[in-house]
């Protein structure tokens, strides 16, 4: 029987990848039956499924740090995801790991993020459940919410990388662990760039000892962090960063929390965003029949609060604002015209 392109790619993985790489042929597979593709591996298919899903496109209008920015050059949740993916792929390729697995998990890691970024996440924790997190919601998106309840039927390893990309969680593959490193490298650096653009930070505000290790320029810092991960992880069955670079990176992250993520100017609209989400949640719990059909139908299987949370979490910043206006803001009288 003639080999397919997929077969050839799987053979090349065995020949070319590190002994620590996760080979695609070892995947735990998908929850639902499927017909294999003859030109793409399973992780390549997962990447394509994510790129073509609706939740991926909605990230274009979801906050990264600055709420619903009008100026086009600020990062959104989508551009953040693309930067994470690029960094993840560079690290994976240098370490000769499974780039397709890492890429798919990077692309899907923030699919469940709420409108208004972490502010929206906090609001849903307050009005729905303290257990709500964007990374668990990302898993829920790919396992259930997409395709009208069918989900994307992704492989186990990609889902593992998605749900374990933050905090103390640890993915089961090196490729999945890289997602966490790529995420942090991306957001630390692009949040500095956006904050300088917004006029709330100058590079010289960053402590000198941090800049001496990581560099002053945006590209320089990313390059040094990426190289540090590669250097510390090469030919090892673990992913880490050189101690001196890791220390400077953690100091820089702490600095950003103090100067940016809790900055009154940056957070000036947060209370309004939290109130907006809280009122939308209260409204749709009271009037669930006003939600789209999918969420109404799902109430047959799950509590109304869960369905309302799914509906609101999937909104973009703009959509949440427009729905709020439609429900709570009066229309001006136009004289019947």
Protein backbone atom coordinates (compact mmCIF):
# COMPACT_ATOMS: atom_id res chain seq x y z
CA UNK A 1 0.00 0.00 0.00
CA UNK A 2 1.35 3.40 -1.01
CA UNK A 3 2.41 5.69 1.84
CA UNK A 4 0.39 8.83 2.44
CA UNK A 5 1.90 12.23 3.10
CA UNK A 6 0.74 11.83 6.69
CA UNK A 7 2.70 8.57 6.96
CA UNK A 8 5.84 10.26 5.65
CA UNK A 9 5.51 13.11 8.16
CA UNK A 10 5.11 10.65 11.04
CA UNK A 11 8.24 8.79 9.91
CA UNK A 12 10.20 12.04 9.75
CA UNK A 13 9.17 12.85 13.32
CA UNK A 14 10.90 9.66 14.50
CA UNK A 15 14.03 10.51 12.52
CA UNK A 16 14.32 14.23 13.16
CA UNK A 17 12.78 15.07 16.55
CA UNK A 18 14.46 14.91 19.94
CA UNK A 19 14.13 11.75 22.01
CA UNK A 20 12.14 13.92 24.45
CA UNK A 21 9.62 15.07 21.83
CA UNK A 22 6.06 13.83 21.90
CA UNK A 23 5.51 11.84 18.73
CA UNK A 24 2.15 12.36 17.08
CA UNK A 25 1.64 8.63 16.64
CA UNK A 26 1.54 8.29 20.45
CA UNK A 27 -1.45 10.59 20.92
CA UNK A 28 -4.20 9.41 23.23
CA UNK A 29 -6.51 10.44 20.42
CA UNK A 30 -9.89 12.15 20.37
CA UNK A 31 -13.04 11.54 22.40
CA UNK A 32 -15.19 11.01 19.33
CA UNK A 33 -14.65 8.78 16.26
CA UNK A 34 -13.02 10.42 13.26
CA UNK A 35 -11.56 9.60 9.87
CA UNK A 36 -7.78 10.28 9.71
CA UNK A 37 -6.54 12.77 7.13
CA UNK A 38 -4.04 11.45 4.58
CA UNK A 39 -2.04 14.69 4.32
CA UNK A 40 -2.14 16.12 7.86
CA UNK A 41 -1.13 14.70 11.23
CA UNK A 42 -3.54 14.87 14.16
CA UNK A 43 -1.91 17.95 15.69
CA UNK A 44 -1.90 19.72 12.34
CA UNK A 45 -5.62 19.04 12.12
CA UNK A 46 -6.12 20.44 15.62
CA UNK A 47 -4.31 23.62 14.61
CA UNK A 48 -6.61 24.01 11.60
CA UNK A 49 -9.74 23.27 13.64
CA UNK A 50 -8.82 26.04 16.09
CA UNK A 51 -7.93 28.63 13.45
CA UNK A 52 -11.25 28.10 11.68
CA UNK A 53 -13.48 28.17 14.77
CA UNK A 54 -15.65 31.11 15.77
CA UNK A 55 -14.10 31.54 19.20
CA UNK A 56 -10.72 32.14 17.55
CA UNK A 57 -12.10 34.96 15.41
CA UNK A 58 -13.84 36.57 18.38
CA UNK A 59 -10.49 37.09 20.11
CA UNK A 60 -9.90 39.89 17.61
CA UNK A 61 -12.24 42.08 19.69
CA UNK A 62 -11.32 40.93 23.20
CA UNK A 63 -9.18 42.95 25.59
CA UNK A 64 -5.56 42.12 26.33
CA UNK A 65 -4.78 44.91 28.86
CA UNK A 66 -6.35 48.13 27.60
CA UNK A 67 -10.14 47.81 27.48
CA UNK A 68 -11.71 47.97 24.02
CA UNK A 69 -9.00 50.21 22.52
CA UNK A 70 -9.96 52.34 19.53
CA UNK A 71 -6.35 52.82 18.38
CA UNK A 72 -5.50 49.81 16.25
CA UNK A 73 -1.94 49.16 17.42
CA UNK A 74 -2.76 47.95 20.92
CA UNK A 75 -2.71 44.20 21.38
CA UNK A 76 -5.93 42.28 21.52
CA UNK A 77 -6.42 38.72 22.74
CA UNK A 78 -5.93 37.52 19.15
CA UNK A 79 -2.67 39.33 18.46
CA UNK A 80 -1.43 38.15 21.86
CA UNK A 81 -2.25 34.58 20.83
CA UNK A 82 -0.34 34.95 17.56
CA UNK A 83 2.71 36.26 19.40
CA UNK A 84 2.54 33.40 21.90
CA UNK A 85 2.34 30.92 19.02
CA UNK A 86 5.33 32.42 17.23
CA UNK A 87 7.45 32.27 20.39
CA UNK A 88 6.30 28.75 21.16
CA UNK A 89 7.20 27.53 17.68
CA UNK A 90 10.68 29.07 17.83
CA UNK A 91 11.44 27.36 21.14
CA UNK A 92 9.98 24.05 19.97
CA UNK A 93 11.91 24.03 16.72
CA UNK A 94 15.19 24.86 18.44
CA UNK A 95 14.66 22.05 20.95
CA UNK A 96 13.57 19.69 18.15
CA UNK A 97 10.24 19.01 19.82
CA UNK A 98 6.81 18.55 18.19
CA UNK A 99 6.11 21.98 16.75
CA UNK A 100 2.60 21.08 15.56
CA UNK A 101 1.48 20.07 19.05
CA UNK A 102 2.86 23.25 20.62
CA UNK A 103 1.40 25.45 17.89
CA UNK A 104 -2.10 24.02 18.30
CA UNK A 105 -2.05 24.41 22.08
CA UNK A 106 -0.74 27.98 21.79
CA UNK A 107 -3.45 28.93 19.33
CA UNK A 108 -6.16 27.53 21.61
CA UNK A 109 -4.89 28.61 25.01
CA UNK A 110 -7.06 31.76 25.32
CA UNK A 111 -10.19 30.75 23.40
CA UNK A 112 -12.24 30.93 26.60
CA UNK A 113 -11.16 34.40 27.62
CA UNK A 114 -13.97 36.72 28.62
CA UNK A 115 -14.81 40.19 27.31
CA UNK A 116 -12.58 42.81 28.97
CA UNK A 117 -9.80 40.29 29.61
CA UNK A 118 -8.95 39.42 33.19
CA UNK A 119 -11.39 42.05 34.41
CA UNK A 120 -14.22 40.07 32.85
CA UNK A 121 -12.79 36.87 34.32
CA UNK A 122 -12.84 38.43 37.79
CA UNK A 123 -16.42 39.64 37.27
CA UNK A 124 -17.63 36.14 36.36
CA UNK A 125 -15.81 34.71 39.37
CA UNK A 126 -17.83 37.09 41.52
CA UNK A 127 -21.26 36.63 39.96
CA UNK A 128 -21.01 33.01 38.79
CA UNK A 129 -18.33 30.96 40.53
CA UNK A 130 -14.95 31.43 42.21
CA UNK A 131 -13.85 28.36 40.25
CA UNK A 132 -14.30 30.09 36.89
CA UNK A 133 -11.05 30.62 34.99
CA UNK A 134 -10.38 31.49 31.38
CA UNK A 135 -8.20 28.40 30.89
CA UNK A 136 -10.93 26.03 32.08
CA UNK A 137 -13.35 27.94 29.87
CA UNK A 138 -10.96 27.51 26.93
CA UNK A 139 -11.16 23.77 27.49
CA UNK A 140 -14.95 23.99 27.65
CA UNK A 141 -14.98 25.90 24.37
CA UNK A 142 -13.06 23.22 22.49
CA UNK A 143 -14.76 20.27 24.17
CA UNK A 144 -18.33 21.50 24.05
CA UNK A 145 -19.29 25.06 23.13
CA UNK A 146 -17.95 25.21 19.57
CA UNK A 147 -20.01 23.70 16.75
CA UNK A 148 -23.29 24.04 18.64
CA UNK A 149 -22.37 21.63 21.39
CA UNK A 150 -20.24 19.25 19.35
CA UNK A 151 -16.92 20.86 20.25
CA UNK A 152 -13.79 20.63 18.11
CA UNK A 153 -12.92 17.03 19.04
CA UNK A 154 -9.26 17.89 19.64
CA UNK A 155 -6.59 15.43 20.71
CA UNK A 156 -5.98 14.86 24.41
CA UNK A 157 -2.48 16.40 24.32
CA UNK A 158 -3.62 19.68 22.77
CA UNK A 159 -6.44 20.00 25.31
CA UNK A 160 -3.93 19.24 28.07
CA UNK A 161 -1.67 22.05 26.83
CA UNK A 162 -4.59 24.48 26.67
CA UNK A 163 -5.96 23.92 30.17
CA UNK A 164 -2.55 23.78 31.88
CA UNK A 165 -0.95 26.92 30.48
CA UNK A 166 -1.22 29.10 33.59
CA UNK A 167 -0.42 29.16 37.28
CA UNK A 168 0.81 26.04 39.04
CA UNK A 169 -0.74 23.78 36.40
CA UNK A 170 1.73 21.68 34.43
CA UNK A 171 1.08 20.11 31.06
CA UNK A 172 1.94 16.47 30.46
CA UNK A 173 4.19 17.11 27.45
CA UNK A 174 7.21 19.36 27.01
CA UNK A 175 5.39 20.99 24.11
CA UNK A 176 2.50 21.85 26.41
CA UNK A 177 4.84 23.26 29.05
CA UNK A 178 6.38 25.54 26.45
CA UNK A 179 2.96 27.18 26.00
CA UNK A 180 3.23 28.55 29.55
CA UNK A 181 6.71 29.97 28.92
CA UNK A 182 5.72 31.44 25.55
CA UNK A 183 2.61 33.02 27.07
CA UNK A 184 4.59 34.77 29.79
CA UNK A 185 7.37 35.92 27.45
CA UNK A 186 4.78 37.34 25.06
CA UNK A 187 2.56 39.20 27.49
CA UNK A 188 5.35 40.66 29.62
CA UNK A 189 6.98 42.22 26.58
CA UNK A 190 3.97 43.32 24.56
CA UNK A 191 2.32 44.78 27.66
CA UNK A 192 5.41 46.94 28.14
CA UNK A 193 5.19 48.02 24.50
CA UNK A 194 1.48 48.89 24.81
CA UNK A 195 2.02 50.71 28.11
CA UNK A 196 4.74 52.87 26.58
CA UNK A 197 2.40 53.62 23.68
CA UNK A 198 -0.34 54.57 26.15
CA UNK A 199 1.96 56.95 28.00
CA UNK A 200 1.69 55.16 31.34
CA UNK A 201 5.23 53.77 31.31
CA UNK A 202 8.70 54.70 30.09
CA UNK A 203 11.45 52.16 29.58
CA UNK A 204 13.63 54.02 32.09
CA UNK A 205 10.97 53.37 34.73
CA UNK A 206 11.98 49.70 34.68
CA UNK A 207 14.69 48.97 37.28
CA UNK A 208 18.15 49.07 35.76
CA UNK A 209 19.20 45.66 37.07
CA UNK A 210 16.32 44.04 35.14
CA UNK A 211 17.19 45.85 31.90
CA UNK A 212 20.86 44.90 32.24
CA UNK A 213 19.90 41.23 32.15
CA UNK A 214 16.96 41.26 29.71
CA UNK A 215 17.72 44.27 27.51
CA UNK A 216 16.13 47.65 26.83
CA UNK A 217 14.48 46.93 23.48
CA UNK A 218 11.34 44.90 22.84
CA UNK A 219 12.99 42.47 20.42
CA UNK A 220 16.12 42.25 22.54
CA UNK A 221 14.19 41.19 25.63
CA UNK A 222 12.17 38.56 23.78
CA UNK A 223 15.31 37.23 22.13
CA UNK A 224 17.16 36.94 25.45
CA UNK A 225 14.24 35.19 27.15
CA UNK A 226 13.72 32.76 24.28
CA UNK A 227 17.43 31.98 24.06
CA UNK A 228 17.51 31.41 27.80
CA UNK A 229 14.72 28.83 27.64
CA UNK A 230 16.45 27.07 24.76
CA UNK A 231 19.83 27.08 26.50
CA UNK A 232 18.44 25.78 29.80
CA UNK A 233 16.25 23.12 28.16
CA UNK A 234 18.33 21.80 25.27
CA UNK A 235 18.60 18.00 25.23
CA UNK A 236 16.78 17.75 28.56
CA UNK A 237 13.49 16.22 29.57
CA UNK A 238 12.30 19.48 31.14
CA UNK A 239 11.60 23.06 30.14
CA UNK A 240 13.18 25.83 32.19
CA UNK A 241 14.91 29.20 31.97
CA UNK A 242 18.43 30.08 33.07
CA UNK A 243 18.27 31.14 36.75
CA UNK A 244 19.52 34.71 36.27
CA UNK A 245 17.11 35.33 33.38
CA UNK A 246 14.23 33.68 35.24
CA UNK A 247 14.90 35.92 38.25
CA UNK A 248 14.93 39.06 36.10
CA UNK A 249 11.79 37.93 34.26
CA UNK A 250 9.93 37.37 37.53
CA UNK A 251 11.07 40.77 38.82
CA UNK A 252 9.85 42.38 35.60
CA UNK A 253 6.47 40.65 35.93
CA UNK A 254 6.15 41.86 39.53
CA UNK A 255 7.06 45.36 38.38
CA UNK A 256 4.32 45.27 35.73
CA UNK A 257 1.72 44.16 38.27
CA UNK A 258 2.62 47.12 40.43
CA UNK A 259 2.94 49.75 37.70
CA UNK A 260 0.55 48.56 34.95
CA UNK A 261 -1.88 45.81 35.89
CA UNK A 262 -3.01 47.69 39.01
CA UNK A 263 -2.40 51.20 37.65
CA UNK A 264 -5.45 53.45 38.34
CA UNK A 265 -5.18 55.00 34.86
CA UNK A 266 -5.12 51.62 33.12
CA UNK A 267 -7.83 50.19 35.39
CA UNK A 268 -10.04 53.30 35.29
CA UNK A 269 -12.83 51.53 33.37
CA UNK A 270 -12.64 48.23 35.21
CA UNK A 271 -15.42 48.94 37.68
CA UNK A 272 -17.74 49.82 34.81
CA UNK A 273 -16.81 46.61 32.97
CA UNK A 274 -17.41 44.51 36.10
CA UNK A 275 -20.77 46.18 36.69
CA UNK A 276 -21.72 45.63 33.05
CA UNK A 277 -21.01 41.92 33.24
CA UNK A 278 -22.71 41.56 36.62
CA UNK A 279 -25.87 43.21 35.34
CA UNK A 280 -25.87 41.14 32.14
CA UNK A 281 -25.47 37.98 34.23
CA UNK A 282 -28.32 38.95 36.53
CA UNK A 283 -30.54 39.88 33.59
CA UNK A 284 -30.08 36.65 31.64
CA UNK A 285 -30.45 34.46 34.70
CA UNK A 286 -33.80 36.17 35.22
CA UNK A 287 -34.75 36.15 31.53
CA UNK A 288 -32.88 33.17 29.98
CA UNK A 289 -35.36 33.06 27.11
CA UNK A 290 -33.62 36.16 25.74
CA UNK A 291 -30.38 34.27 25.12
CA UNK A 292 -29.59 32.70 21.72
CA UNK A 293 -31.14 29.31 21.01
CA UNK A 294 -28.05 27.20 21.76
CA UNK A 295 -27.75 28.48 25.32
CA UNK A 296 -31.49 28.14 25.90
CA UNK A 297 -31.41 24.54 24.68
CA UNK A 298 -28.46 23.73 26.90
CA UNK A 299 -30.51 24.63 29.97
CA UNK A 300 -32.15 21.23 29.57
CA UNK A 301 -28.84 19.69 30.61
CA UNK A 302 -27.13 22.29 32.78
CA UNK A 303 -28.08 25.02 35.30
CA UNK A 304 -29.16 28.35 33.90
CA UNK A 305 -26.21 30.07 35.59
CA UNK A 306 -23.76 27.85 33.73
CA UNK A 307 -25.42 28.63 30.41
CA UNK A 308 -25.51 32.37 31.11
CA UNK A 309 -21.81 32.25 32.02
CA UNK A 310 -21.02 30.53 28.71
CA UNK A 311 -23.00 33.12 26.79
CA UNK A 312 -21.35 36.11 28.44
CA UNK A 313 -17.84 34.62 28.43
CA UNK A 314 -18.08 34.16 24.67
CA UNK A 315 -18.96 37.81 24.01
CA UNK A 316 -16.45 40.27 22.59
CA UNK A 317 -15.94 43.60 24.34
CA UNK A 318 -18.03 45.35 21.71
CA UNK A 319 -20.84 42.82 21.76
CA UNK A 320 -21.10 42.96 25.56
CA UNK A 321 -21.33 46.76 25.44
CA UNK A 322 -23.96 46.67 22.69
CA UNK A 323 -26.09 44.07 24.49
CA UNK A 324 -25.89 46.14 27.67
CA UNK A 325 -26.98 49.28 25.79
CA UNK A 326 -29.88 47.43 24.17
CA UNK A 327 -31.14 46.13 27.51
CA UNK A 328 -30.46 48.98 29.90
CA UNK A 329 -30.06 52.20 27.88
CA UNK A 330 -33.18 53.98 26.57
CA UNK A 331 -33.46 54.89 22.91
CA UNK A 332 -34.14 58.51 22.05
CA UNK A 333 -37.56 59.32 20.63
CA UNK A 334 -37.44 60.10 16.92
CA UNK A 335 -41.05 61.11 16.45
CA UNK A 336 -42.03 57.84 14.76
CA UNK A 337 -39.73 58.44 11.81
